[in-house]
Amino acid sequence: MEAEQLGKNGNPESGASGIGGVLSQETIQALWYWGSTAVLGLLLYYPVTRLVWVMRVRRFERKTGQKSTEEDRQRHLRQARFISILIVMLFAFLYTRTLISPP
């Protein structure tokens, strides 16, 4: 009776129920690793973009000695978005790599 409830290898975990029966442990770890990296990058994108944008606008205003126009601010925002993508994805990758060993 008890043997009927066990999976193929005699382990309750290796039965048909659950995701472990479909995906290997390596695949689950890889999905967790890259998923964690992507989520961390997405969560950090907006605040880092705003921080880089403010720093660029203030530097521009200090350098030129005049207040920036709306066109200048939009140009700096586009540049800040590009820079933020690079910074955030690099940080998320390195942070996740130290926190979770890659597969």
Protein backbone atom coordinates (compact mmCIF):
# COMPACT_ATOMS: atom_id res chain seq x y z
CA MET A 1 0.00 0.00 0.00
CA GLU A 2 2.75 2.44 0.89
CA ALA A 3 4.77 1.46 -2.20
CA GLU A 4 1.92 2.56 -4.47
CA GLN A 5 2.17 6.17 -3.22
CA LEU A 6 5.88 6.46 -4.02
CA GLY A 7 7.24 7.61 -7.36
CA LYS A 8 9.39 5.70 -9.89
CA ASN A 9 12.60 5.71 -7.84
CA GLY A 10 10.91 5.10 -4.54
CA ASN A 11 11.03 8.81 -3.66
CA PRO A 12 7.84 10.72 -3.02
CA GLU A 13 9.39 13.76 -4.76
CA SER A 14 9.93 11.99 -8.07
CA GLY A 15 6.23 11.32 -8.63
CA ALA A 16 4.22 12.88 -11.43
CA SER A 17 2.90 15.68 -9.22
CA GLY A 18 4.79 18.98 -9.04
CA ILE A 19 7.13 20.76 -11.40
CA GLY A 20 10.14 18.66 -10.35
CA GLY A 21 8.91 15.78 -12.48
CA VAL A 22 8.88 17.88 -15.66
CA LEU A 23 11.98 20.07 -15.31
CA SER A 24 15.42 19.09 -14.11
CA GLN A 25 16.95 20.70 -11.04
CA GLU A 26 19.49 22.51 -13.27
CA THR A 27 16.73 24.02 -15.37
CA ILE A 28 14.84 25.21 -12.30
CA GLN A 29 18.01 26.80 -10.90
CA ALA A 30 18.74 28.52 -14.23
CA LEU A 31 15.20 29.88 -14.42
CA TRP A 32 15.42 31.11 -10.82
CA TYR A 33 18.83 32.73 -11.45
CA TRP A 34 17.88 34.58 -14.64
CA GLY A 35 14.40 35.39 -13.35
CA SER A 36 15.86 36.92 -10.19
CA THR A 37 18.28 38.96 -12.29
CA ALA A 38 15.48 40.26 -14.52
CA VAL A 39 13.18 41.13 -11.60
CA LEU A 40 15.94 42.97 -9.76
CA GLY A 41 16.82 44.89 -12.92
CA LEU A 42 13.20 45.88 -13.49
CA LEU A 43 12.74 47.01 -9.90
CA LEU A 44 15.87 49.18 -10.01
CA TYR A 45 15.33 50.67 -13.46
CA TYR A 46 12.99 53.57 -12.58
CA PRO A 47 14.85 54.93 -9.51
CA VAL A 48 18.24 54.65 -11.21
CA THR A 49 16.91 56.38 -14.33
CA ARG A 50 15.63 59.29 -12.24
CA LEU A 51 18.88 59.53 -10.31
CA VAL A 52 21.02 59.57 -13.45
CA TRP A 53 18.66 62.06 -15.11
CA VAL A 54 18.76 64.51 -12.20
CA MET A 55 22.54 64.26 -12.03
CA ARG A 56 22.85 64.94 -15.78
CA VAL A 57 20.46 67.91 -15.73
CA ARG A 58 22.16 69.48 -12.70
CA ARG A 59 25.60 69.01 -14.24
CA PHE A 60 24.39 70.56 -17.51
CA GLU A 61 22.88 73.54 -15.67
CA ARG A 62 26.00 74.04 -13.55
CA LYS A 63 28.26 73.76 -16.60
CA THR A 64 26.29 76.18 -18.79
CA GLY A 65 25.22 78.51 -15.97
CA GLN A 66 21.63 78.67 -17.21
CA LYS A 67 18.38 76.80 -16.60
CA SER A 68 17.79 73.89 -18.97
CA THR A 69 14.91 73.93 -21.42
CA GLU A 70 12.29 71.21 -21.74
CA GLU A 71 14.02 69.98 -24.91
CA ASP A 72 17.32 69.65 -23.02
CA ARG A 73 15.62 67.75 -20.23
CA GLN A 74 13.99 65.31 -22.67
CA ARG A 75 17.36 64.73 -24.36
CA HIS A 76 18.99 64.07 -20.99
CA LEU A 77 16.13 61.73 -20.04
CA ARG A 78 16.69 59.63 -23.19
CA GLN A 79 20.39 59.43 -22.43
CA ALA A 80 19.72 58.58 -18.77
CA ARG A 81 17.42 55.73 -19.79
CA PHE A 82 20.10 54.17 -21.96
CA ILE A 83 22.78 54.55 -19.30
CA SER A 84 20.42 53.17 -16.64
CA ILE A 85 19.74 50.01 -18.63
CA LEU A 86 23.46 49.29 -18.75
CA ILE A 87 24.06 50.09 -15.07
CA VAL A 88 21.03 48.22 -13.75
CA MET A 89 21.52 45.04 -15.77
CA LEU A 90 25.22 44.89 -14.91
CA PHE A 91 24.49 45.44 -11.21
CA ALA A 92 21.62 42.94 -11.18
CA PHE A 93 23.76 40.31 -12.89
CA LEU A 94 26.72 40.78 -10.54
CA TYR A 95 24.57 40.98 -7.42
CA THR A 96 22.58 37.87 -8.31
CA ARG A 97 25.83 36.08 -9.20
CA THR A 98 27.22 36.71 -5.71
CA LEU A 99 23.94 35.92 -3.98
CA ILE A 100 22.98 32.83 -5.98
CA SER A 101 25.62 30.66 -7.59
CA PRO A 102 24.94 30.46 -11.33
CA PRO A 103 23.90 27.12 -12.82
